[in-house]
Protein backbone atom coordinates (compact mmCIF):
# COMPACT_ATOMS: atom_id res chain seq x y z
CA GLY A 1 -22.29 19.29 -47.22
CA ASP A 2 -24.51 17.60 -44.72
CA ALA A 3 -22.52 15.24 -42.48
CA SER A 4 -25.47 12.86 -42.14
CA GLN A 5 -25.52 12.02 -45.86
CA PRO A 6 -23.25 9.14 -46.91
CA ILE A 7 -20.42 10.09 -49.24
CA ASN A 8 -20.05 7.87 -52.29
CA ARG A 9 -16.32 7.76 -53.01
CA GLU A 10 -15.32 6.12 -56.27
CA ILE A 11 -12.47 5.98 -58.73
CA ILE A 12 -13.28 6.09 -62.43
CA LEU A 13 -10.97 4.05 -64.65
CA GLU A 14 -10.70 3.74 -68.39
CA ASN A 15 -10.36 0.15 -69.62
CA GLN A 16 -8.14 -0.80 -72.52
CA SER A 17 -11.28 -0.98 -74.61
CA GLY A 18 -11.99 2.70 -73.84
CA ARG A 19 -14.99 2.07 -71.58
CA LEU A 20 -15.21 3.74 -68.18
CA GLN A 21 -15.48 1.64 -65.04
CA ARG A 22 -16.34 2.81 -61.51
CA ILE A 23 -14.49 1.29 -58.55
CA ASN A 24 -15.96 2.00 -55.13
CA GLU A 25 -14.06 2.10 -51.84
CA LEU A 26 -14.87 -1.53 -51.01
CA HIS A 27 -13.27 -2.86 -54.22
CA PRO A 28 -10.00 -4.79 -53.64
CA SER A 29 -8.02 -2.48 -55.96
CA TYR A 30 -9.29 0.79 -54.43
CA LEU A 31 -6.40 1.38 -51.98
CA GLY A 32 -3.73 0.65 -54.57
CA LEU A 33 -5.33 3.00 -57.09
CA GLN A 34 -6.14 5.77 -54.60
CA TYR A 35 -2.67 5.72 -53.00
CA PRO A 36 -0.08 4.74 -55.62
CA LEU A 37 2.73 6.29 -53.54
CA LEU A 38 1.86 4.11 -50.54
CA PHE A 39 1.17 0.95 -52.55
CA PRO A 40 3.59 1.18 -55.51
CA TYR A 41 3.16 -2.47 -56.51
CA GLY A 42 -0.62 -2.19 -56.77
CA LYS A 43 -1.41 -5.07 -54.43
CA ASP A 44 -5.05 -5.63 -53.67
CA GLY A 45 -6.29 -4.18 -50.41
CA TYR A 46 -9.21 -5.35 -48.34
CA HIS A 47 -11.93 -7.46 -49.86
CA SER A 48 -14.65 -9.52 -48.26
CA GLY A 49 -13.70 -13.11 -47.73
CA ILE A 50 -10.13 -12.74 -46.45
CA LYS A 51 -9.53 -15.58 -44.00
CA HIS A 52 -7.78 -15.06 -40.67
CA ARG A 53 -5.41 -17.96 -41.24
CA ASP A 54 -5.17 -21.14 -43.22
CA MET A 55 -5.39 -23.41 -40.20
CA ASP A 56 -7.25 -26.61 -39.52
CA ASP A 57 -9.06 -25.13 -36.51
CA SER A 58 -10.61 -22.27 -38.52
CA HIS A 59 -13.89 -24.18 -38.83
CA GLN A 60 -14.19 -24.17 -35.02
CA ARG A 61 -14.16 -20.36 -34.76
CA LYS A 62 -17.32 -18.32 -34.72
CA ARG A 63 -15.94 -15.90 -37.29
CA ASN A 64 -12.96 -16.68 -39.46
CA ILE A 65 -13.25 -13.83 -41.95
CA LEU A 66 -11.22 -10.65 -41.53
CA THR A 67 -13.03 -7.33 -40.99
CA ILE A 68 -11.96 -3.98 -42.43
CA ARG A 69 -10.94 -2.83 -38.95
CA GLU A 70 -8.70 -5.84 -38.45
CA PHE A 71 -7.17 -5.37 -41.91
CA LEU A 72 -6.37 -1.71 -41.23
CA CYS A 73 -4.97 -2.48 -37.78
CA PHE A 74 -2.64 -5.00 -39.40
CA ARG A 75 -1.51 -2.45 -42.03
CA LEU A 76 -0.86 0.26 -39.41
CA GLN A 77 1.44 -1.78 -37.19
CA PHE A 78 5.20 -1.30 -37.11
CA ARG A 79 7.19 -4.44 -37.98
CA LYS A 80 10.92 -4.96 -37.99
CA GLY A 81 12.34 -5.79 -41.40
CA GLU A 82 9.50 -4.13 -43.34
CA GLY A 83 9.45 -0.76 -45.03
CA GLN A 84 7.76 2.06 -43.17
CA THR A 85 6.48 3.96 -46.18
CA LEU A 86 2.93 4.09 -44.85
CA LEU A 87 3.85 5.18 -41.32
CA ARG A 88 6.28 7.89 -42.48
CA SER A 89 4.17 9.50 -45.19
CA LYS A 90 2.92 12.36 -42.95
CA ARG A 91 -0.26 13.96 -44.37
CA LEU A 92 -0.85 11.13 -46.81
CA PHE A 93 -0.82 8.75 -43.83
CA GLN A 94 -3.46 10.91 -42.13
CA GLN A 95 -5.61 10.84 -45.25
CA PHE A 96 -5.20 7.05 -45.43
CA ILE A 97 -6.46 6.73 -41.85
CA VAL A 98 -9.49 8.93 -42.62
CA ASP A 99 -10.26 6.87 -45.72
CA GLY A 100 -9.91 3.68 -43.66
CA TYR A 101 -12.42 5.00 -41.16
CA LEU A 102 -14.83 5.90 -43.95
CA MET A 103 -14.42 2.42 -45.41
CA MET A 104 -15.45 0.94 -42.05
CA GLU A 105 -18.48 3.23 -41.92
CA ALA A 106 -19.47 2.36 -45.50
CA GLU A 107 -19.39 -1.35 -44.81
C-alpha cells in the first residue's frame, strides 16, 4: 500500500450480548488484547489522562500528563526484580516496538 496513507488498526471483539465492538490502537485495552502473551493479566495499557505522579507539586508543572512515548519508554526499561517477558520475546518484542511507534504517529 501507499506509505503516506494512515493505517487504521483495530481489534474487533464480540460482547457477551453478541454485538461486535471495534477497539482502536489508542484504547486502553488494545495492548493487552493485541499481545496476550506479553500482557497475560490483561492490564490496561496507555490511555490519555495518565498522570506523571500523584504529588502535590504536579499543579506547578507545565504538563503533568504522560505521553505515549513516555509510557513506552517506561515499559521498555530493564528493572531488577521484574519479569523480562517483554524484553526477551524476540520477534514479538520487535512487533511491539513497531506498534508503539505507530501508536505515537496515530496520536
